[in-house]
Amino acid sequence: MKLYFFRHGHAEDAQMPDFDDFTRALTPKGIERTEAAGKALVKLGVQPARLYSSPRARSRQTADILAKSLGTEVIVREEVGFGFHVPAVEGLIAGLDADAEVMFVGHEPDLSATVSALIGGGDVVMKKGGMARVDIPDDRSLQGALVWLFAPRIFEALAGK
């Protein structure tokens, strides 16, 4: 199984007056970079059977842009929000074929910690608008290998930006 972990794009500043973390939206830079990522993922042949998103606005916007490029639907799940972890992954992929591709769009530090746990440890640094891919070869365990770790600039280069 191929698991993709996509950190939401650049969002509005958290220090703004009347700050509401739940509704923080993507900035123009965040939108542009996510659109480039969507184009690059199409070129790379990514075809998620499921695309899960945190319900927070910045993640949902990121997921919507990616879903449009990839021709799939967004499934909003609280488990992909703050506190995302390996048991959430296990529950969300239950019943899928061993060769399925699944994408999670969420937040730091939870995405990096989850990727690290899935690959047996180590530091994983995910930039805003970046993505990791972990391949899980055995459907009986959630131990896998880190195959990709892309910064947004990689997506821009692949998309021809």
N, C-alpha and C. Protein backbone atom coordinates (compact mmCIF):
# COMPACT_ATOMS: atom_id res chain seq x y z
N MET A 1 0.85 -1.18 0.00
CA MET A 1 0.00 0.00 0.00
C MET A 1 0.90 1.24 0.00
N LYS A 2 0.46 2.23 -0.78
CA LYS A 2 1.18 3.50 -0.81
C LYS A 2 0.40 4.53 0.00
N LEU A 3 1.06 5.09 1.01
CA LEU A 3 0.43 6.10 1.86
C LEU A 3 1.13 7.43 1.62
N TYR A 4 0.35 8.45 1.30
CA TYR A 4 0.87 9.79 1.05
C TYR A 4 0.43 10.70 2.20
N PHE A 5 1.36 11.46 2.72
CA PHE A 5 1.10 12.39 3.82
C PHE A 5 1.45 13.79 3.32
N PHE A 6 0.44 14.62 3.13
CA PHE A 6 0.62 15.95 2.54
C PHE A 6 0.34 17.00 3.61
N ARG A 7 1.33 17.83 3.88
CA ARG A 7 1.13 18.93 4.83
C ARG A 7 0.45 20.08 4.10
N HIS A 8 -0.57 20.65 4.73
CA HIS A 8 -1.30 21.75 4.10
C HIS A 8 -0.35 22.85 3.64
N GLY A 9 -0.81 23.63 2.67
CA GLY A 9 -0.02 24.73 2.13
C GLY A 9 0.08 25.90 3.09
N HIS A 10 0.84 26.92 2.68
CA HIS A 10 0.99 28.13 3.47
C HIS A 10 -0.38 28.73 3.78
N ALA A 11 -0.58 29.08 5.04
CA ALA A 11 -1.87 29.61 5.49
C ALA A 11 -1.70 30.99 6.11
N GLU A 12 -2.83 31.62 6.36
CA GLU A 12 -2.83 32.95 6.99
C GLU A 12 -2.08 32.90 8.31
N ASP A 13 -1.55 34.04 8.69
CA ASP A 13 -0.77 34.17 9.91
C ASP A 13 -1.62 33.88 11.14
N ALA A 14 -1.08 33.07 12.02
CA ALA A 14 -1.79 32.71 13.25
C ALA A 14 -1.83 33.85 14.26
N GLN A 15 -1.12 34.92 14.01
CA GLN A 15 -1.06 36.03 14.96
C GLN A 15 -2.05 37.15 14.64
N MET A 16 -2.91 36.93 13.67
CA MET A 16 -3.87 37.96 13.28
C MET A 16 -4.86 38.23 14.41
N PRO A 17 -5.42 39.45 14.47
CA PRO A 17 -6.46 39.73 15.46
C PRO A 17 -7.65 38.79 15.23
N ASP A 18 -8.35 38.47 16.29
CA ASP A 18 -9.50 37.56 16.21
C ASP A 18 -9.11 36.21 15.60
N PHE A 19 -7.93 35.75 15.96
CA PHE A 19 -7.38 34.50 15.45
C PHE A 19 -8.31 33.33 15.74
N ASP A 20 -8.67 32.59 14.70
CA ASP A 20 -9.45 31.35 14.81
C ASP A 20 -8.71 30.29 14.01
N ASP A 21 -8.00 29.43 14.69
CA ASP A 21 -7.15 28.44 14.03
C ASP A 21 -7.95 27.55 13.08
N PHE A 22 -9.18 27.26 13.41
CA PHE A 22 -9.99 26.35 12.60
C PHE A 22 -10.26 26.92 11.21
N THR A 23 -10.40 28.23 11.10
CA THR A 23 -10.80 28.85 9.83
C THR A 23 -9.64 29.47 9.05
N ARG A 24 -8.40 29.33 9.52
CA ARG A 24 -7.27 29.90 8.78
C ARG A 24 -7.23 29.34 7.36
N ALA A 25 -7.22 30.23 6.38
CA ALA A 25 -7.26 29.84 4.97
C ALA A 25 -5.86 29.84 4.36
N LEU A 26 -5.73 29.22 3.21
CA LEU A 26 -4.49 29.26 2.46
C LEU A 26 -4.23 30.67 1.95
N THR A 27 -2.97 31.02 1.85
CA THR A 27 -2.56 32.29 1.24
C THR A 27 -2.49 32.07 -0.27
N PRO A 28 -2.36 33.15 -1.05
CA PRO A 28 -2.15 32.97 -2.49
C PRO A 28 -0.94 32.07 -2.80
N LYS A 29 0.14 32.22 -2.02
CA LYS A 29 1.32 31.36 -2.19
C LYS A 29 0.96 29.90 -1.91
N GLY A 30 0.16 29.66 -0.87
CA GLY A 30 -0.27 28.32 -0.53
C GLY A 30 -1.11 27.69 -1.64
N ILE A 31 -1.99 28.48 -2.22
CA ILE A 31 -2.84 27.99 -3.32
C ILE A 31 -1.98 27.67 -4.54
N GLU A 32 -1.09 28.59 -4.90
CA GLU A 32 -0.24 28.40 -6.09
C GLU A 32 0.64 27.16 -5.95
N ARG A 33 1.26 27.01 -4.79
CA ARG A 33 2.14 25.85 -4.60
C ARG A 33 1.34 24.54 -4.56
N THR A 34 0.15 24.56 -4.01
CA THR A 34 -0.66 23.35 -3.98
C THR A 34 -1.13 22.98 -5.38
N GLU A 35 -1.46 23.98 -6.19
CA GLU A 35 -1.83 23.70 -7.59
C GLU A 35 -0.66 23.07 -8.34
N ALA A 36 0.55 23.56 -8.10
CA ALA A 36 1.75 22.98 -8.71
C ALA A 36 1.93 21.54 -8.23
N ALA A 37 1.70 21.31 -6.95
CA ALA A 37 1.83 19.96 -6.41
C ALA A 37 0.83 19.02 -7.07
N GLY A 38 -0.39 19.48 -7.26
CA GLY A 38 -1.40 18.66 -7.92
C GLY A 38 -0.98 18.25 -9.32
N LYS A 39 -0.44 19.20 -10.09
CA LYS A 39 0.05 18.90 -11.44
C LYS A 39 1.19 17.90 -11.40
N ALA A 40 2.11 18.09 -10.46
CA ALA A 40 3.25 17.18 -10.33
C ALA A 40 2.79 15.78 -9.94
N LEU A 41 1.83 15.68 -9.04
CA LEU A 41 1.35 14.36 -8.62
C LEU A 41 0.69 13.61 -9.77
N VAL A 42 0.00 14.34 -10.64
CA VAL A 42 -0.58 13.71 -11.83
C VAL A 42 0.55 13.16 -12.71
N LYS A 43 1.59 13.95 -12.92
CA LYS A 43 2.73 13.50 -13.73
C LYS A 43 3.40 12.27 -13.12
N LEU A 44 3.38 12.19 -11.79
CA LEU A 44 4.00 11.06 -11.10
C LEU A 44 3.09 9.83 -11.05
N GLY A 45 1.87 9.96 -11.54
CA GLY A 45 0.95 8.83 -11.58
C GLY A 45 0.26 8.50 -10.28
N VAL A 46 0.20 9.46 -9.37
CA VAL A 46 -0.47 9.23 -8.09
C VAL A 46 -1.97 9.15 -8.31
N GLN A 47 -2.58 8.07 -7.80
CA GLN A 47 -4.01 7.85 -7.96
C GLN A 47 -4.62 7.33 -6.66
N PRO A 48 -4.85 8.22 -5.70
CA PRO A 48 -5.37 7.74 -4.41
C PRO A 48 -6.80 7.21 -4.51
N ALA A 49 -7.00 6.05 -3.92
CA ALA A 49 -8.35 5.49 -3.82
C ALA A 49 -9.16 6.32 -2.83
N ARG A 50 -8.46 6.88 -1.85
CA ARG A 50 -9.09 7.75 -0.85
C ARG A 50 -8.18 8.92 -0.57
N LEU A 51 -8.78 10.10 -0.39
CA LEU A 51 -8.05 11.29 -0.02
C LEU A 51 -8.74 11.87 1.21
N TYR A 52 -8.09 11.70 2.35
CA TYR A 52 -8.63 12.16 3.63
C TYR A 52 -8.06 13.53 3.99
N SER A 53 -8.89 14.37 4.58
CA SER A 53 -8.44 15.70 5.00
C SER A 53 -8.89 16.00 6.42
N SER A 54 -8.04 16.75 7.10
CA SER A 54 -8.43 17.39 8.36
C SER A 54 -9.59 18.34 8.05
N PRO A 55 -10.48 18.57 9.02
CA PRO A 55 -11.57 19.52 8.77
C PRO A 55 -11.16 20.99 8.82
N ARG A 56 -9.96 21.30 9.27
CA ARG A 56 -9.54 22.70 9.34
C ARG A 56 -9.43 23.28 7.93
N ALA A 57 -9.80 24.55 7.78
CA ALA A 57 -9.94 25.19 6.47
C ALA A 57 -8.70 25.04 5.60
N ARG A 58 -7.52 25.28 6.15
CA ARG A 58 -6.30 25.24 5.33
C ARG A 58 -6.03 23.85 4.77
N SER A 59 -6.33 22.82 5.56
CA SER A 59 -6.15 21.46 5.06
C SER A 59 -7.22 21.10 4.04
N ARG A 60 -8.43 21.49 4.33
CA ARG A 60 -9.53 21.20 3.41
C ARG A 60 -9.31 21.89 2.07
N GLN A 61 -8.86 23.14 2.08
CA GLN A 61 -8.56 23.84 0.82
C GLN A 61 -7.45 23.12 0.06
N THR A 62 -6.41 22.73 0.77
CA THR A 62 -5.31 21.98 0.15
C THR A 62 -5.83 20.70 -0.48
N ALA A 63 -6.62 19.96 0.28
CA ALA A 63 -7.17 18.69 -0.21
C ALA A 63 -8.07 18.90 -1.42
N ASP A 64 -8.88 19.95 -1.40
CA ASP A 64 -9.78 20.23 -2.53
C ASP A 64 -8.98 20.49 -3.81
N ILE A 65 -7.90 21.25 -3.71
CA ILE A 65 -7.06 21.54 -4.87
C ILE A 65 -6.43 20.25 -5.40
N LEU A 66 -5.89 19.44 -4.50
CA LEU A 66 -5.28 18.18 -4.90
C LEU A 66 -6.31 17.24 -5.51
N ALA A 67 -7.49 17.16 -4.91
CA ALA A 67 -8.54 16.27 -5.40
C ALA A 67 -8.97 16.66 -6.81
N LYS A 68 -9.05 17.94 -7.07
CA LYS A 68 -9.43 18.40 -8.40
C LYS A 68 -8.41 17.93 -9.43
N SER A 69 -7.13 18.07 -9.13
CA SER A 69 -6.08 17.63 -10.05
C SER A 69 -6.09 16.11 -10.22
N LEU A 70 -6.30 15.40 -9.12
CA LEU A 70 -6.20 13.94 -9.13
C LEU A 70 -7.49 13.24 -9.52
N GLY A 71 -8.57 13.99 -9.67
CA GLY A 71 -9.84 13.41 -10.07
C GLY A 71 -10.46 12.51 -9.02
N THR A 72 -10.39 12.95 -7.78
CA THR A 72 -10.97 12.16 -6.69
C THR A 72 -11.77 13.06 -5.77
N GLU A 73 -12.39 12.47 -4.77
CA GLU A 73 -13.20 13.20 -3.80
C GLU A 73 -12.44 13.33 -2.49
N VAL A 74 -12.75 14.37 -1.73
CA VAL A 74 -12.17 14.57 -0.40
C VAL A 74 -13.10 13.98 0.64
N ILE A 75 -12.53 13.24 1.55
CA ILE A 75 -13.26 12.71 2.70
C ILE A 75 -12.72 13.43 3.93
N VAL A 76 -13.54 14.24 4.56
CA VAL A 76 -13.12 15.01 5.73
C VAL A 76 -13.31 14.14 6.97
N ARG A 77 -12.22 13.99 7.73
CA ARG A 77 -12.25 13.18 8.95
C ARG A 77 -11.49 13.88 10.06
N GLU A 78 -12.09 13.95 11.21
CA GLU A 78 -11.45 14.58 12.37
C GLU A 78 -10.15 13.86 12.75
N GLU A 79 -10.07 12.55 12.49
CA GLU A 79 -8.87 11.79 12.84
C GLU A 79 -7.61 12.33 12.15
N VAL A 80 -7.78 13.02 11.03
CA VAL A 80 -6.64 13.54 10.28
C VAL A 80 -6.26 14.94 10.77
N GLY A 81 -7.02 15.47 11.71
CA GLY A 81 -6.72 16.77 12.30
C GLY A 81 -5.63 16.67 13.34
N PHE A 82 -5.65 17.58 14.29
CA PHE A 82 -4.65 17.58 15.35
C PHE A 82 -4.75 16.26 16.13
N GLY A 83 -3.60 15.68 16.41
CA GLY A 83 -3.56 14.40 17.12
C GLY A 83 -3.52 13.20 16.19
N PHE A 84 -3.38 13.42 14.89
CA PHE A 84 -3.28 12.33 13.91
C PHE A 84 -2.13 11.41 14.30
N HIS A 85 -2.35 10.09 14.19
CA HIS A 85 -1.34 9.13 14.60
C HIS A 85 -1.58 7.79 13.92
N VAL A 86 -0.68 6.83 14.15
CA VAL A 86 -0.72 5.54 13.47
C VAL A 86 -2.05 4.82 13.64
N PRO A 87 -2.65 4.75 14.83
CA PRO A 87 -3.95 4.07 14.93
C PRO A 87 -5.03 4.70 14.03
N ALA A 88 -4.95 6.01 13.81
CA ALA A 88 -5.90 6.65 12.89
C ALA A 88 -5.67 6.16 11.47
N VAL A 89 -4.41 6.05 11.07
CA VAL A 89 -4.09 5.52 9.74
C VAL A 89 -4.67 4.11 9.60
N GLU A 90 -4.42 3.30 10.60
CA GLU A 90 -4.90 1.91 10.57
C GLU A 90 -6.41 1.84 10.37
N GLY A 91 -7.14 2.67 11.11
CA GLY A 91 -8.59 2.67 10.97
C GLY A 91 -9.07 3.16 9.62
N LEU A 92 -8.38 4.16 9.06
CA LEU A 92 -8.81 4.76 7.80
C LEU A 92 -8.45 3.92 6.58
N ILE A 93 -7.48 3.02 6.71
CA ILE A 93 -7.13 2.17 5.57
C ILE A 93 -7.72 0.76 5.69
N ALA A 94 -8.39 0.48 6.78
CA ALA A 94 -8.96 -0.85 7.00
C ALA A 94 -9.88 -1.23 5.83
N GLY A 95 -9.71 -2.44 5.35
CA GLY A 95 -10.57 -2.97 4.30
C GLY A 95 -10.14 -2.62 2.88
N LEU A 96 -9.10 -1.80 2.73
CA LEU A 96 -8.63 -1.46 1.38
C LEU A 96 -7.69 -2.54 0.86
N ASP A 97 -7.60 -2.65 -0.46
CA ASP A 97 -6.69 -3.60 -1.08
C ASP A 97 -5.25 -3.27 -0.73
N ALA A 98 -4.41 -4.29 -0.71
CA ALA A 98 -3.01 -4.11 -0.35
C ALA A 98 -2.26 -3.21 -1.32
N ASP A 99 -2.77 -3.04 -2.54
CA ASP A 99 -2.09 -2.18 -3.51
C ASP A 99 -2.75 -0.80 -3.64
N ALA A 100 -3.64 -0.47 -2.71
CA ALA A 100 -4.33 0.83 -2.75
C ALA A 100 -3.38 1.97 -2.42
N GLU A 101 -3.75 3.17 -2.89
CA GLU A 101 -3.04 4.40 -2.56
C GLU A 101 -3.99 5.27 -1.75
N VAL A 102 -3.48 5.82 -0.63
CA VAL A 102 -4.30 6.65 0.25
C VAL A 102 -3.51 7.90 0.59
N MET A 103 -4.20 9.05 0.54
CA MET A 103 -3.55 10.32 0.86
C MET A 103 -4.22 10.94 2.08
N PHE A 104 -3.38 11.50 2.96
CA PHE A 104 -3.83 12.20 4.15
C PHE A 104 -3.33 13.64 4.07
N VAL A 105 -4.21 14.62 4.21
CA VAL A 105 -3.82 16.03 4.20
C VAL A 105 -4.06 16.58 5.60
N GLY A 106 -2.98 16.98 6.25
CA GLY A 106 -3.12 17.42 7.63
C GLY A 106 -2.05 18.39 8.08
N HIS A 107 -1.65 18.22 9.34
CA HIS A 107 -0.87 19.24 10.06
C HIS A 107 0.40 18.68 10.68
N GLU A 108 1.29 19.59 10.99
CA GLU A 108 2.49 19.29 11.77
C GLU A 108 2.20 19.57 13.23
N PRO A 109 2.84 18.92 14.13
CA PRO A 109 3.91 17.93 13.96
C PRO A 109 3.40 16.51 13.77
N ASP A 110 2.07 16.37 13.68
CA ASP A 110 1.48 15.03 13.65
C ASP A 110 1.84 14.23 12.41
N LEU A 111 1.89 14.86 11.23
CA LEU A 111 2.24 14.11 10.03
C LEU A 111 3.65 13.54 10.13
N SER A 112 4.61 14.37 10.50
CA SER A 112 6.00 13.90 10.62
C SER A 112 6.14 12.80 11.66
N ALA A 113 5.47 12.96 12.78
CA ALA A 113 5.54 11.94 13.83
C ALA A 113 4.93 10.62 13.35
N THR A 114 3.86 10.70 12.60
CA THR A 114 3.22 9.49 12.09
C THR A 114 4.10 8.81 11.07
N VAL A 115 4.67 9.57 10.15
CA VAL A 115 5.59 9.00 9.16
C VAL A 115 6.77 8.35 9.88
N SER A 116 7.35 9.04 10.84
CA SER A 116 8.47 8.50 11.59
C SER A 116 8.11 7.17 12.26
N ALA A 117 6.95 7.12 12.87
CA ALA A 117 6.52 5.88 13.53
C ALA A 117 6.34 4.75 12.52
N LEU A 118 5.81 5.06 11.36
CA LEU A 118 5.58 4.03 10.33
C LEU A 118 6.87 3.47 9.76
N ILE A 119 7.94 4.28 9.76
CA ILE A 119 9.20 3.82 9.18
C ILE A 119 10.20 3.36 10.24
N GLY A 120 9.76 3.26 11.48
CA GLY A 120 10.61 2.74 12.54
C GLY A 120 11.49 3.76 13.22
N GLY A 121 11.17 5.06 13.07
CA GLY A 121 11.90 6.09 13.79
C GLY A 121 12.69 7.01 12.87
N GLY A 122 13.29 7.99 13.50
CA GLY A 122 14.08 8.99 12.77
C GLY A 122 13.32 10.29 12.64
N ASP A 123 14.06 11.35 12.37
CA ASP A 123 13.47 12.66 12.19
C ASP A 123 12.97 12.83 10.76
N VAL A 124 11.75 13.31 10.64
CA VAL A 124 11.15 13.60 9.34
C VAL A 124 10.74 15.07 9.39
N VAL A 125 11.17 15.84 8.41
CA VAL A 125 10.85 17.27 8.36
C VAL A 125 9.97 17.52 7.14
N MET A 126 8.74 17.91 7.40
CA MET A 126 7.80 18.18 6.31
C MET A 126 7.53 19.67 6.23
N LYS A 127 7.88 20.26 5.10
CA LYS A 127 7.63 21.68 4.86
C LYS A 127 6.16 21.89 4.54
N LYS A 128 5.68 23.14 4.72
CA LYS A 128 4.31 23.47 4.33
C LYS A 128 4.17 23.21 2.83
N GLY A 129 3.17 22.42 2.47
CA GLY A 129 2.97 22.08 1.07
C GLY A 129 3.87 20.94 0.61
N GLY A 130 4.53 20.27 1.54
CA GLY A 130 5.38 19.13 1.21
C GLY A 130 4.65 17.82 1.43
N MET A 131 5.27 16.73 0.99
CA MET A 131 4.62 15.43 1.08
C MET A 131 5.62 14.31 1.29
N ALA A 132 5.19 13.31 2.03
CA ALA A 132 5.96 12.09 2.20
C ALA A 132 5.15 10.92 1.67
N ARG A 133 5.85 9.94 1.13
CA ARG A 133 5.19 8.68 0.73
C ARG A 133 5.85 7.56 1.49
N VAL A 134 5.01 6.73 2.10
CA VAL A 134 5.48 5.55 2.82
C VAL A 134 4.82 4.34 2.17
N ASP A 135 5.63 3.38 1.76
CA ASP A 135 5.10 2.14 1.20
C ASP A 135 5.05 1.08 2.30
N ILE A 136 3.89 0.47 2.42
CA ILE A 136 3.67 -0.59 3.41
C ILE A 136 3.59 -1.91 2.63
N PRO A 137 4.62 -2.74 2.70
CA PRO A 137 4.63 -3.95 1.88
C PRO A 137 3.77 -5.09 2.42
N ASP A 138 3.47 -5.06 3.70
CA ASP A 138 2.78 -6.18 4.35
C ASP A 138 1.50 -5.66 4.98
N ASP A 139 0.36 -6.18 4.52
CA ASP A 139 -0.91 -5.67 5.05
C ASP A 139 -1.19 -6.12 6.48
N ARG A 140 -0.30 -6.94 7.06
CA ARG A 140 -0.50 -7.38 8.44
C ARG A 140 0.16 -6.45 9.45
N SER A 141 1.02 -5.55 8.96
CA SER A 141 1.66 -4.62 9.89
C SER A 141 1.73 -3.24 9.24
N LEU A 142 1.86 -2.24 10.05
CA LEU A 142 1.99 -0.89 9.53
C LEU A 142 3.43 -0.43 9.66
N GLN A 143 4.34 -1.26 9.22
CA GLN A 143 5.76 -0.89 9.15
C GLN A 143 6.12 -0.77 7.69
N GLY A 144 6.70 0.36 7.33
CA GLY A 144 6.99 0.59 5.93
C GLY A 144 8.30 1.30 5.71
N ALA A 145 8.45 1.76 4.47
CA ALA A 145 9.68 2.45 4.06
C ALA A 145 9.33 3.83 3.52
N LEU A 146 10.14 4.81 3.89
CA LEU A 146 9.99 6.15 3.34
C LEU A 146 10.54 6.11 1.92
N VAL A 147 9.68 6.40 0.95
CA VAL A 147 10.06 6.33 -0.45
C VAL A 147 10.27 7.73 -1.03
N TRP A 148 9.41 8.68 -0.63
CA TRP A 148 9.53 10.06 -1.09
C TRP A 148 9.42 10.99 0.10
N LEU A 149 10.14 12.08 0.03
CA LEU A 149 9.95 13.21 0.94
C LEU A 149 10.20 14.45 0.10
N PHE A 150 9.11 15.10 -0.34
CA PHE A 150 9.20 16.22 -1.27
C PHE A 150 8.93 17.54 -0.56
N ALA A 151 9.79 18.50 -0.82
CA ALA A 151 9.54 19.89 -0.44
C ALA A 151 8.73 20.53 -1.57
N PRO A 152 8.04 21.63 -1.31
CA PRO A 152 7.22 22.27 -2.35
C PRO A 152 8.01 22.64 -3.61
N ARG A 153 9.26 22.97 -3.47
CA ARG A 153 10.07 23.35 -4.64
C ARG A 153 10.23 22.17 -5.62
N ILE A 154 10.22 20.96 -5.11
CA ILE A 154 10.29 19.78 -5.98
C ILE A 154 9.02 19.71 -6.83
N PHE A 155 7.88 19.92 -6.19
CA PHE A 155 6.61 19.92 -6.94
C PHE A 155 6.62 21.01 -8.01
N GLU A 156 7.11 22.19 -7.66
CA GLU A 156 7.16 23.28 -8.63
C GLU A 156 8.04 22.91 -9.82
N ALA A 157 9.18 22.28 -9.57
CA ALA A 157 10.07 21.86 -10.65
C ALA A 157 9.40 20.80 -11.53
N LEU A 158 8.74 19.84 -10.91
CA LEU A 158 8.06 18.79 -11.67
C LEU A 158 6.88 19.34 -12.48
N ALA A 159 6.24 20.37 -11.95
CA ALA A 159 5.09 20.97 -12.63
C ALA A 159 5.52 21.96 -13.71
N GLY A 160 6.82 22.26 -13.77
CA GLY A 160 7.31 23.21 -14.77
C GLY A 160 7.14 24.65 -14.39
N LYS A 161 7.11 24.95 -13.09
CA LYS A 161 6.94 26.33 -12.63
C LYS A 161 8.28 27.01 -12.50
